[in-house]
Amino acid sequence: MLTSFPEEWQIVTGSEFVVDPKSDIVDGPFGSNLKASEYTYSGIPIARIQNVKRFNFVDKNIRFVTTEKAEELHRHTFVRGDILITKLGDPLGLACEVPESFDYGIIVADLVRLRPNLKVCAKPYLIYLLNSDVVIKQIETHVKGTTRPRINLGVIRNLSLPLASLAEQKVIADKLDTLLTQVETTKARLERIPEILKNFRQSVLAAAVSGKLTVEWREKFKPEMVDIASISKEQFSTGLTMGNFGKKMDKSPDISGDENGKFVSHIAGWLPIRIGALCECVVPNRDKPKSFSGGYHWLLTPNFDEQSIWIDYKEIESGLSEEEVITYRAKIIKPGNVIMTCVGRVGLSAVLEESSVINQQLHAFKVNSHIKAEYLAYCVRANVEYYESKATSTTVKYLNKTACNSLPIPLPTIEEQDEIIRRVEELFAFADSIEQKTNASLQRVNKLTQSILAKAFRGELTANWRAANPELISGENSAEALLVIIKNERAKLSQTKKGRGKSVEN
């Protein structure tokens, strides 16, 4: 029961916001009376639970029934301007107005249609009220079911609701329009920030592996060219060793070819080289373990963070014991090496901090003294588009070992790699701090809507207005006078029904 509201207001039930509760507050037909098999792609529109959100009707994936079926279900119709309320799902009690584009339609069983009496309520006021904690908290006390939470029609009809004078209702609705529009604008701006930060991080990686991030550093320290002779010619049998270095090599955004077909680095002191000529690519065994007893982390594509090269090991559910590693011929990748995704979302990379086992969705690169794991991870992340172009299959993208090895990267000295890593980590930490502040702000904004609605329906937003306009909340303009109108409307309806009964008898 509501207790905190202005003395000029009245508390009424949901039924008193309509003329005839039995015909003005109705739910949809019983399931067997409207089956999905009866849906059509044209005809009379159906409003379903997915079309009703808080404050908004979602005009997507609309289904229809024939005119004949709609006539059969005439008790469950809606018209433009009606209010629809969900009575199934989580959260419950979402309410919105039927938009102007829908002249007429049918609701499903999971919805309630409310046709407000505009002589006693301003429709925007009622919609805001239905979506506020005033109603949400009442609904929570009547929820039935755990897997599919629901309420019955009686809950809506018997809601305890504050009724202000009609003039004050309109003022409240206008103030909420202004304030909640500002909240939504702020929320929309905050929700854009993660995408901006994602692009920022990708730009940082692109600058890191293209030499732009350390231009001033190179000018100051003038590093020498990486010695190609120091990298073993027989390091791995990948087909991309120093012996065929430069033959029929693909180009990447940061490495171009000369007229002889060899690719060269645009950056002074950086050596152009394929990953496969520098690091050992490890392909996992195709046997999928049948048991997980814990121990070595069992890594999957979902364990990769889109915005970071580090794995959150707390989110990993499965692991292999020493015995299981032997049984399933699993390959252990030690800390300090790089793993990358090769199935589905290809080209994500991570540096391992803990020994792990990779599955068929991942490949690994064992780094050596010529390259830092973090720098290699940056190179992979910065060239996702390259790997996507090398992926096979049209349904699920897949990178084989040759494709993983093929990425051409510019290799700076270890000293410059250290500087690149330092600067990237600094810029990423800056982005992370902004993201944390954004998320905290977004949480506050998400709570702000209900906070504003709570103030509105405690009368706080219009306290000054009431003081300045006593004539609009008293006498024939008072909320108490609206109760008289409701009573008269009900009496008139009762007489009409009695009259119809006599006509039938005659």
Protein backbone atom coordinates (compact mmCIF):
# COMPACT_ATOMS: atom_id res chain seq x y z
CA MET A 1 0.00 0.00 0.00
CA LEU A 2 1.26 3.45 -0.91
CA THR A 3 1.85 5.82 1.99
CA SER A 4 4.11 8.63 0.68
CA PHE A 5 2.16 10.98 -1.57
CA PRO A 6 0.71 14.51 -1.41
CA GLU A 7 -2.47 14.94 0.64
CA GLU A 8 -4.25 16.31 -2.44
CA TRP A 9 -3.84 12.97 -4.25
CA GLN A 10 -6.04 9.89 -4.01
CA ILE A 11 -5.10 6.21 -4.06
CA VAL A 12 -7.13 4.11 -6.49
CA THR A 13 -6.89 0.68 -8.10
CA GLY A 14 -5.79 0.00 -11.65
CA SER A 15 -9.43 -0.68 -12.53
CA GLU A 16 -10.38 2.90 -11.71
CA PHE A 17 -8.22 4.22 -14.52
CA VAL A 18 -10.69 2.69 -16.99
CA VAL A 19 -14.46 2.81 -17.45
CA ASP A 20 -15.20 -0.93 -17.53
CA PRO A 21 -12.48 -3.18 -16.09
CA LYS A 22 -13.93 -6.32 -17.69
CA SER A 23 -13.68 -4.94 -21.21
CA ASP A 24 -11.01 -2.25 -20.81
CA ILE A 25 -8.38 -4.34 -18.97
CA VAL A 26 -8.14 -7.69 -20.74
CA ASP A 27 -5.45 -10.24 -21.52
CA GLY A 28 -4.89 -12.23 -24.66
CA PRO A 29 -6.69 -15.42 -25.72
CA PHE A 30 -5.93 -18.76 -24.12
CA GLY A 31 -3.01 -20.43 -25.89
CA SER A 32 -5.08 -22.99 -27.78
CA ASN A 33 -7.32 -20.20 -29.16
CA LEU A 34 -4.41 -18.56 -30.98
CA LYS A 35 -1.71 -20.93 -32.18
CA ALA A 36 1.53 -19.98 -33.91
CA SER A 37 0.43 -22.15 -36.82
CA GLU A 38 -2.37 -19.62 -37.42
CA TYR A 39 0.05 -16.71 -37.89
CA THR A 40 0.24 -15.22 -41.37
CA TYR A 41 2.48 -12.65 -43.08
CA SER A 42 -0.34 -10.21 -43.79
CA GLY A 43 -3.75 -9.33 -42.41
CA ILE A 44 -4.51 -8.14 -38.86
CA PRO A 45 -1.32 -7.53 -36.80
CA ILE A 46 -0.56 -9.41 -33.59
CA ALA A 47 1.19 -7.74 -30.66
CA ARG A 48 3.53 -10.22 -28.97
CA ILE A 49 5.61 -10.01 -25.82
CA GLN A 50 8.80 -9.17 -27.77
CA ASN A 51 7.09 -6.06 -29.19
CA VAL A 52 6.53 -4.51 -25.75
CA LYS A 53 9.42 -2.82 -23.97
CA ARG A 54 9.44 -0.28 -21.17
CA PHE A 55 7.99 2.93 -22.68
CA ASN A 56 8.46 1.69 -26.27
CA PHE A 57 6.62 -0.49 -28.77
CA VAL A 58 9.11 -2.39 -30.97
CA ASP A 59 7.75 -2.51 -34.51
CA LYS A 60 9.74 -5.57 -35.64
CA ASN A 61 8.95 -9.16 -36.59
CA ILE A 62 5.22 -8.46 -36.61
CA ARG A 63 3.00 -11.47 -37.32
CA PHE A 64 -0.60 -11.38 -38.47
CA VAL A 65 -3.86 -13.33 -38.45
CA THR A 66 -6.68 -13.39 -40.96
CA THR A 67 -9.61 -10.99 -40.62
CA GLU A 68 -11.85 -13.96 -39.80
CA LYS A 69 -9.56 -15.04 -36.94
CA ALA A 70 -9.39 -11.47 -35.61
CA GLU A 71 -13.19 -11.27 -35.53
CA GLU A 72 -13.27 -14.53 -33.60
CA LEU A 73 -10.90 -12.98 -31.04
CA HIS A 74 -12.55 -9.54 -30.92
CA ARG A 75 -12.46 -9.46 -27.10
CA HIS A 76 -8.64 -9.45 -27.26
CA THR A 77 -8.23 -6.57 -29.69
CA PHE A 78 -6.19 -3.40 -29.34
CA VAL A 79 -6.40 -0.06 -31.15
CA ARG A 80 -3.96 2.80 -31.51
CA GLY A 81 -3.45 4.60 -28.21
CA ASP A 82 -4.17 1.56 -26.03
CA ILE A 83 -1.61 0.58 -23.39
CA LEU A 84 -0.01 -2.87 -23.56
CA ILE A 85 1.51 -4.53 -20.48
CA THR A 86 3.53 -7.76 -20.29
CA LYS A 87 2.39 -10.39 -17.79
CA LEU A 88 5.04 -12.98 -18.62
CA GLY A 89 8.84 -12.87 -18.69
CA ASP A 90 11.65 -11.18 -16.84
CA PRO A 91 11.21 -8.34 -16.13
CA LEU A 92 7.43 -8.33 -15.83
CA GLY A 93 5.09 -5.39 -16.24
CA LEU A 94 6.71 -3.62 -19.17
CA ALA A 95 4.23 -1.06 -20.50
CA CYS A 96 3.98 1.01 -23.67
CA GLU A 97 1.45 2.72 -25.90
CA VAL A 98 0.27 1.22 -29.19
CA PRO A 99 1.73 3.54 -31.86
CA GLU A 100 -0.27 5.49 -34.42
CA SER A 101 0.81 3.11 -37.19
CA PHE A 102 -1.36 0.31 -35.73
CA ASP A 103 -5.05 0.96 -36.25
CA TYR A 104 -6.22 -2.39 -34.93
CA GLY A 105 -4.78 -5.72 -33.85
CA ILE A 106 -4.84 -8.74 -31.54
CA ILE A 107 -2.80 -9.34 -28.37
CA VAL A 108 -1.36 -12.70 -27.37
CA ALA A 109 -1.96 -14.43 -24.05
CA ASP A 110 1.20 -12.98 -22.48
CA LEU A 111 -0.05 -9.39 -22.74
CA VAL A 112 -2.64 -7.20 -21.07
CA ARG A 113 -4.43 -4.47 -22.99
CA LEU A 114 -5.52 -1.43 -20.96
CA ARG A 115 -7.80 1.21 -22.49
CA PRO A 116 -7.55 4.28 -20.20
CA ASN A 117 -10.39 6.60 -19.33
CA LEU A 118 -9.00 9.92 -20.55
CA LYS A 119 -11.58 11.85 -18.50
CA VAL A 120 -9.70 10.93 -15.34
CA CYS A 121 -6.11 10.32 -16.46
CA ALA A 122 -3.48 11.67 -18.80
CA LYS A 123 -2.21 8.69 -20.77
CA PRO A 124 1.53 9.62 -20.53
CA TYR A 125 1.12 9.91 -16.74
CA LEU A 126 -0.33 6.40 -16.57
CA ILE A 127 2.38 4.90 -18.81
CA TYR A 128 5.11 6.44 -16.66
CA LEU A 129 3.33 5.22 -13.55
CA LEU A 130 3.00 1.65 -14.84
CA ASN A 131 6.73 1.56 -15.59
CA SER A 132 7.77 2.94 -12.21
CA ASP A 133 8.81 1.16 -9.04
CA VAL A 134 5.35 1.97 -7.68
CA VAL A 135 4.06 -0.84 -9.92
CA ILE A 136 7.22 -2.93 -10.28
CA LYS A 137 7.48 -3.59 -6.55
CA GLN A 138 3.79 -4.52 -6.32
CA ILE A 139 4.13 -6.94 -9.22
CA GLU A 140 7.15 -8.60 -7.61
CA THR A 141 4.96 -9.66 -4.68
CA HIS A 142 2.55 -11.48 -7.00
CA VAL A 143 4.94 -13.30 -9.33
CA LYS A 144 4.22 -16.96 -10.01
CA GLY A 145 6.65 -19.44 -11.54
CA THR A 146 10.44 -19.48 -11.49
CA THR A 147 11.48 -20.55 -14.98
CA ARG A 148 8.79 -18.39 -16.64
CA PRO A 149 7.77 -15.64 -14.19
CA ARG A 150 4.19 -14.45 -14.71
CA ILE A 151 1.31 -12.59 -13.14
CA ASN A 152 -2.43 -12.88 -13.70
CA LEU A 153 -4.86 -10.28 -14.97
CA GLY A 154 -6.19 -9.55 -11.49
CA VAL A 155 -2.83 -8.14 -10.41
CA ILE A 156 -3.08 -5.35 -13.01
CA ARG A 157 -6.70 -4.60 -12.17
CA ASN A 158 -5.95 -4.38 -8.44
CA LEU A 159 -2.75 -2.34 -8.50
CA SER A 160 -2.65 0.41 -5.89
CA LEU A 161 -1.93 3.64 -7.80
CA PRO A 162 -1.70 7.35 -6.96
CA LEU A 163 -4.21 9.61 -8.69
CA ALA A 164 -3.28 13.29 -8.96
CA SER A 165 -5.53 15.99 -10.39
CA LEU A 166 -5.75 15.91 -14.18
CA ALA A 167 -3.81 19.17 -14.47
CA GLU A 168 -1.04 17.88 -12.23
CA GLN A 169 -0.90 14.59 -14.12
CA LYS A 170 -0.15 16.54 -17.31
CA VAL A 171 2.52 18.63 -15.57
CA ILE A 172 4.15 15.47 -14.16
CA ALA A 173 4.14 13.84 -17.59
CA ASP A 174 5.67 16.94 -19.21
CA LYS A 175 8.43 17.13 -16.59
CA LEU A 176 9.17 13.42 -17.01
CA ASP A 177 9.29 13.84 -20.79
CA THR A 178 12.00 16.48 -20.38
CA LEU A 179 14.02 14.76 -17.65
CA LEU A 180 13.92 11.24 -19.07
CA THR A 181 14.80 12.51 -22.55
CA GLN A 182 17.93 14.00 -20.99
CA VAL A 183 18.63 10.69 -19.25
CA GLU A 184 18.25 8.76 -22.51
CA THR A 185 20.51 11.22 -24.33
CA THR A 186 23.16 10.82 -21.64
CA LYS A 187 22.76 7.04 -21.70
CA ALA A 188 23.10 6.93 -25.49
CA ARG A 189 26.32 8.95 -25.31
CA LEU A 190 27.75 6.69 -22.62
CA GLU A 191 26.82 3.57 -24.59
CA ARG A 192 28.80 4.87 -27.57
CA ILE A 193 32.01 5.18 -25.54
CA PRO A 194 32.91 1.43 -25.53
CA GLU A 195 32.87 1.40 -29.33
CA ILE A 196 34.99 4.58 -29.39
CA LEU A 197 37.47 2.95 -27.00
CA LYS A 198 37.51 -0.22 -29.09
CA ASN A 199 38.48 1.84 -32.13
CA PHE A 200 41.01 3.74 -30.03
CA ARG A 201 42.70 0.52 -28.90
CA GLN A 202 42.82 -0.77 -32.46
CA SER A 203 44.34 2.54 -33.60
CA VAL A 204 46.97 2.23 -30.86
CA LEU A 205 47.87 -1.27 -32.05
CA ALA A 206 48.04 -0.10 -35.66
CA ALA A 207 50.34 2.74 -34.63
CA ALA A 208 52.43 0.34 -32.52
CA VAL A 209 53.17 -2.14 -35.33
CA SER A 210 53.54 0.52 -38.03
CA GLY A 211 56.26 2.41 -36.18
CA LYS A 212 54.18 5.56 -35.64
CA LEU A 213 54.07 5.10 -31.88
CA THR A 214 57.85 5.26 -31.50
CA VAL A 215 58.91 7.74 -34.20
CA GLU A 216 60.44 10.13 -31.68
CA TRP A 217 62.12 7.27 -29.82
CA ARG A 218 63.87 6.09 -33.01
CA GLU A 219 64.97 9.61 -33.85
CA LYS A 220 66.52 9.90 -30.42
CA PHE A 221 68.17 6.49 -30.10
CA LYS A 222 68.71 5.61 -33.80
CA PRO A 223 68.54 1.81 -33.43
CA GLU A 224 70.38 -0.42 -35.89
CA MET A 225 68.65 -2.84 -38.27
CA VAL A 226 67.71 -6.19 -36.75
CA ASP A 227 70.40 -8.67 -37.81
CA ILE A 228 68.74 -11.18 -40.14
CA ALA A 229 71.70 -13.53 -39.77
CA SER A 230 71.00 -13.89 -36.07
CA ILE A 231 67.69 -15.61 -36.81
CA SER A 232 68.27 -19.31 -37.51
CA LYS A 233 67.61 -20.46 -41.08
CA GLU A 234 66.65 -23.89 -39.83
CA GLN A 235 64.49 -22.75 -36.96
CA PHE A 236 61.34 -24.49 -38.19
CA SER A 237 60.15 -26.46 -41.20
CA THR A 238 57.26 -24.10 -41.99
CA GLY A 239 58.03 -23.45 -45.63
CA LEU A 240 58.65 -19.84 -44.63
CA THR A 241 62.27 -20.03 -43.45
CA MET A 242 65.02 -17.63 -44.37
CA GLY A 243 65.76 -19.86 -47.37
CA ASN A 244 62.64 -18.73 -49.18
CA PHE A 245 62.34 -15.39 -47.41
CA GLY A 246 60.83 -12.91 -49.83
CA LYS A 247 59.53 -15.44 -52.40
CA LYS A 248 55.86 -15.02 -53.33
CA MET A 249 55.17 -13.30 -50.05
CA ASP A 250 51.77 -11.67 -49.52
CA LYS A 251 51.65 -8.03 -48.58
CA SER A 252 50.22 -6.60 -45.38
CA PRO A 253 49.11 -3.02 -44.73
CA ASP A 254 52.47 -2.09 -43.22
CA ILE A 255 54.78 -4.01 -45.60
CA SER A 256 54.89 -3.45 -49.36
CA GLY A 257 56.76 -5.14 -52.20
CA ASP A 258 59.35 -3.81 -54.63
CA GLU A 259 59.52 -4.62 -58.33
CA ASN A 260 61.26 -7.94 -57.59
CA GLY A 261 58.37 -9.14 -55.46
CA LYS A 262 60.23 -8.91 -52.16
CA PHE A 263 58.50 -7.15 -49.30
CA VAL A 264 60.35 -4.51 -47.38
CA SER A 265 59.65 -2.53 -44.23
CA HIS A 266 58.87 1.15 -44.50
CA ILE A 267 60.46 1.72 -41.09
CA ALA A 268 64.18 2.28 -40.77
CA GLY A 269 65.76 -0.40 -38.60
CA TRP A 270 62.77 -2.77 -38.76
CA LEU A 271 63.19 -6.19 -40.37
CA PRO A 272 60.30 -7.50 -42.54
CA ILE A 273 59.66 -11.15 -41.71
CA ARG A 274 56.94 -13.77 -41.61
CA ILE A 275 55.74 -15.04 -38.23
CA GLY A 276 56.43 -18.60 -39.39
CA ALA A 277 60.07 -17.74 -40.10
CA LEU A 278 60.45 -16.36 -36.62
CA CYS A 279 58.29 -18.41 -34.24
CA GLU A 280 57.20 -22.03 -33.99
CA CYS A 281 53.49 -22.46 -34.67
CA VAL A 282 51.94 -25.16 -32.47
CA VAL A 283 48.79 -26.89 -33.72
CA PRO A 284 46.75 -28.74 -31.06
CA ASN A 285 45.79 -32.40 -31.25
CA ARG A 286 42.30 -32.94 -32.65
CA ASP A 287 41.27 -35.35 -29.89
CA LYS A 288 38.75 -33.65 -27.63
CA PRO A 289 39.12 -34.61 -23.96
CA LYS A 290 36.21 -36.56 -22.47
CA SER A 291 37.03 -35.66 -18.89
CA PHE A 292 38.27 -32.55 -17.10
CA SER A 293 39.73 -33.01 -13.66
CA GLY A 294 41.39 -29.61 -13.35
CA GLY A 295 44.98 -28.46 -13.52
CA TYR A 296 46.09 -27.00 -16.85
CA HIS A 297 43.57 -24.47 -18.15
CA TRP A 298 41.52 -25.70 -21.13
CA LEU A 299 41.29 -22.60 -23.33
CA LEU A 300 38.54 -21.81 -25.83
CA THR A 301 37.76 -18.87 -28.11
CA PRO A 302 35.26 -17.35 -25.61
CA ASN A 303 38.13 -16.96 -23.12
CA PHE A 304 39.66 -14.22 -25.28
CA ASP A 305 38.95 -10.60 -24.41
CA GLU A 306 38.10 -8.44 -27.42
CA GLN A 307 39.84 -5.46 -25.83
CA SER A 308 42.87 -7.09 -24.17
CA ILE A 309 45.68 -9.54 -24.89
CA TRP A 310 45.33 -11.07 -21.43
CA ILE A 311 43.20 -14.06 -20.43
CA ASP A 312 40.85 -13.90 -17.42
CA TYR A 313 41.65 -17.28 -15.88
CA LYS A 314 38.83 -16.94 -13.34
CA GLU A 315 36.34 -17.36 -16.19
CA ILE A 316 37.83 -20.70 -17.33
CA GLU A 317 35.70 -23.60 -16.12
CA SER A 318 37.61 -26.67 -17.38
CA GLY A 319 41.13 -27.96 -16.93
CA LEU A 320 43.21 -31.08 -17.59
CA SER A 321 45.24 -33.02 -15.07
CA GLU A 322 48.72 -34.38 -15.84
CA GLU A 323 47.17 -37.80 -16.54
CA GLU A 324 44.54 -36.34 -18.87
CA VAL A 325 47.20 -34.38 -20.75
CA ILE A 326 48.98 -37.67 -21.47
CA THR A 327 45.80 -39.61 -22.23
CA TYR A 328 44.47 -37.09 -24.73
CA ARG A 329 47.88 -36.14 -26.12
CA ALA A 330 47.18 -32.53 -25.26
CA LYS A 331 49.79 -29.86 -25.91
CA ILE A 332 50.77 -27.64 -23.01
CA ILE A 333 51.65 -24.06 -23.87
CA LYS A 334 53.87 -22.41 -21.30
CA PRO A 335 53.58 -18.84 -19.98
CA GLY A 336 55.17 -16.16 -22.11
CA ASN A 337 53.97 -17.59 -25.42
CA VAL A 338 51.19 -16.33 -27.70
CA ILE A 339 47.94 -18.05 -28.63
CA MET A 340 45.46 -16.99 -31.32
CA THR A 341 41.94 -17.89 -32.41
CA CYS A 342 41.67 -19.83 -35.66
CA VAL A 343 38.01 -20.83 -35.84
CA GLY A 344 35.02 -18.48 -36.09
CA ARG A 345 36.28 -15.16 -34.72
CA VAL A 346 39.80 -15.46 -36.14
CA GLY A 347 42.81 -13.31 -35.30
CA LEU A 348 42.27 -12.63 -31.60
CA SER A 349 45.50 -13.04 -29.67
CA ALA A 350 46.60 -13.41 -26.08
CA VAL A 351 49.80 -13.77 -24.09
CA LEU A 352 49.73 -16.65 -21.63
CA GLU A 353 50.52 -15.95 -18.00
CA GLU A 354 49.77 -19.49 -16.84
CA SER A 355 50.45 -22.88 -18.43
CA SER A 356 47.44 -23.90 -20.51
CA VAL A 357 46.15 -26.45 -22.99
CA ILE A 358 44.72 -25.21 -26.27
CA ASN A 359 41.91 -26.86 -28.19
CA GLN A 360 41.27 -27.12 -31.93
CA GLN A 361 39.98 -23.56 -32.10
CA LEU A 362 43.39 -22.15 -31.22
CA HIS A 363 46.98 -22.16 -32.42
CA ALA A 364 50.04 -21.09 -30.48
CA PHE A 365 53.31 -19.34 -31.29
CA LYS A 366 56.39 -20.13 -29.24
CA VAL A 367 58.42 -16.94 -29.10
CA ASN A 368 62.21 -16.68 -28.96
CA SER A 369 64.79 -14.09 -27.99
CA HIS A 370 64.12 -12.00 -31.11
CA ILE A 371 60.53 -11.05 -30.30
CA LYS A 372 58.52 -10.14 -27.25
CA ALA A 373 55.28 -12.04 -26.73
CA GLU A 374 53.31 -8.84 -26.20
CA TYR A 375 54.62 -7.32 -29.42
CA LEU A 376 53.74 -10.47 -31.37
CA ALA A 377 50.23 -10.39 -29.86
CA TYR A 378 49.90 -6.76 -30.97
CA CYS A 379 50.92 -7.72 -34.52
CA VAL A 380 48.26 -10.45 -34.67
CA ARG A 381 45.54 -8.23 -33.21
CA ALA A 382 46.40 -5.35 -35.52
CA ASN A 383 46.02 -7.61 -38.56
CA VAL A 384 42.69 -9.32 -37.90
CA GLU A 385 41.49 -8.33 -41.38
CA TYR A 386 44.51 -10.05 -42.91
CA TYR A 387 43.69 -13.30 -41.11
CA GLU A 388 40.02 -13.02 -42.02
CA SER A 389 41.06 -12.82 -45.68
CA LYS A 390 43.14 -16.01 -45.25
CA ALA A 391 40.36 -17.97 -43.54
CA THR A 392 38.70 -20.79 -45.46
CA SER A 393 35.02 -21.85 -45.50
CA THR A 394 31.99 -19.66 -46.02
CA THR A 395 30.04 -20.86 -42.97
CA VAL A 396 32.63 -21.03 -40.16
CA LYS A 397 35.96 -19.29 -40.73
CA TYR A 398 39.06 -21.45 -40.22
CA LEU A 399 42.78 -20.73 -40.34
CA ASN A 400 45.21 -23.58 -40.99
CA LYS A 401 48.84 -23.62 -39.87
CA THR A 402 50.12 -22.15 -43.13
CA ALA A 403 47.73 -19.23 -42.86
CA CYS A 404 48.73 -18.62 -39.24
CA ASN A 405 52.40 -18.58 -40.24
CA SER A 406 51.90 -16.31 -43.23
CA LEU A 407 51.43 -12.93 -41.54
CA PRO A 408 54.26 -10.58 -42.51
CA ILE A 409 55.32 -8.39 -39.62
CA PRO A 410 57.93 -5.64 -39.26
CA LEU A 411 60.39 -6.62 -36.53
CA PRO A 412 62.08 -3.84 -34.52
CA THR A 413 64.90 -4.34 -32.07
CA ILE A 414 64.11 -5.78 -28.65
CA GLU A 415 64.79 -2.37 -27.13
CA GLU A 416 62.19 -0.72 -29.36
CA GLN A 417 59.74 -3.57 -28.73
CA ASP A 418 60.08 -2.86 -25.01
CA GLU A 419 59.31 0.80 -25.65
CA ILE A 420 56.31 -0.10 -27.82
CA ILE A 421 54.96 -2.41 -25.11
CA ARG A 422 55.41 0.27 -22.47
CA ARG A 423 53.53 2.86 -24.51
CA VAL A 424 50.72 0.51 -25.54
CA GLU A 425 50.20 -0.60 -21.94
CA GLU A 426 50.10 3.02 -20.85
CA LEU A 427 47.52 3.96 -23.48
CA PHE A 428 45.46 0.82 -22.84
CA ALA A 429 45.48 1.56 -19.09
CA PHE A 430 44.17 5.04 -19.91
CA ALA A 431 41.38 3.47 -22.04
CA ASP A 432 40.60 0.97 -19.28
CA SER A 433 40.21 3.75 -16.71
CA ILE A 434 37.80 5.60 -19.01
CA GLU A 435 35.85 2.39 -19.57
CA GLN A 436 35.58 1.74 -15.83
CA LYS A 437 34.34 5.27 -15.22
CA THR A 438 31.90 4.93 -18.13
CA ASN A 439 30.49 1.68 -16.76
CA ALA A 440 30.08 3.22 -13.32
CA SER A 441 28.34 6.23 -14.85
CA LEU A 442 26.10 3.99 -16.93
CA GLN A 443 25.04 2.08 -13.82
CA ARG A 444 24.13 5.36 -12.14
CA VAL A 445 22.22 6.55 -15.21
CA ASN A 446 20.32 3.26 -15.42
CA LYS A 447 19.17 3.81 -11.84
CA LEU A 448 18.39 7.46 -12.51
CA THR A 449 15.19 6.75 -14.47
CA GLN A 450 13.55 4.95 -11.56
CA SER A 451 14.87 7.57 -9.14
CA ILE A 452 13.21 10.35 -11.17
CA LEU A 453 9.98 8.35 -11.49
CA ALA A 454 9.96 7.76 -7.73
CA LYS A 455 10.23 11.50 -7.09
CA ALA A 456 7.47 12.16 -9.60
CA PHE A 457 5.02 9.78 -7.94
CA ARG A 458 5.83 11.05 -4.46
CA GLY A 459 4.80 14.47 -5.74
CA GLU A 460 8.29 15.95 -5.33
CA LEU A 461 8.68 17.12 -8.94
CA THR A 462 5.50 19.18 -8.74
CA ALA A 463 5.62 20.47 -5.15
CA ASN A 464 6.31 24.05 -6.27
CA TRP A 465 3.70 23.79 -9.02
CA ARG A 466 1.04 22.72 -6.51
CA ALA A 467 1.94 25.65 -4.26
CA ALA A 468 1.64 28.05 -7.20
CA ASN A 469 -1.58 26.59 -8.62
CA PRO A 470 -3.93 25.67 -5.74
CA GLU A 471 -6.99 26.27 -7.90
CA LEU A 472 -5.92 23.44 -10.27
CA ILE A 473 -5.79 20.84 -7.52
CA SER A 474 -8.88 21.74 -5.54
CA GLY A 475 -12.65 21.80 -5.97
CA GLU A 476 -13.89 20.56 -9.30
CA ASN A 477 -10.27 20.24 -10.47
CA SER A 478 -9.14 18.02 -7.60
CA ALA A 479 -8.21 14.37 -7.60
CA GLU A 480 -11.20 13.81 -5.33
CA ALA A 481 -13.46 15.24 -8.07
CA LEU A 482 -12.02 12.63 -10.44
CA LEU A 483 -13.35 9.93 -8.11
CA VAL A 484 -16.81 11.37 -8.62
CA ILE A 485 -16.34 11.22 -12.39
CA ILE A 486 -15.26 7.58 -12.10
CA LYS A 487 -18.31 6.81 -9.99
CA ASN A 488 -20.64 8.54 -12.45
CA GLU A 489 -19.06 6.76 -15.43
CA ARG A 490 -19.56 3.41 -13.70
CA ALA A 491 -23.20 4.25 -12.88
CA LYS A 492 -23.88 5.29 -16.46
CA LEU A 493 -22.28 2.05 -17.73
CA SER A 494 -24.40 -0.01 -15.32
CA GLN A 495 -27.60 1.66 -16.53
CA THR A 496 -26.60 1.06 -20.13
CA LYS A 497 -26.04 -2.64 -19.46
CA LYS A 498 -29.40 -2.91 -17.68
CA GLY A 499 -31.07 -1.22 -20.63
CA ARG A 500 -29.54 -3.69 -23.02
CA GLY A 501 -30.80 -6.52 -20.83
CA LYS A 502 -34.39 -5.26 -20.97
CA SER A 503 -34.18 -4.88 -24.74
CA VAL A 504 -33.16 -8.50 -25.02
CA GLU A 505 -36.08 -9.61 -22.78
CA ASN A 506 -38.55 -7.64 -24.91
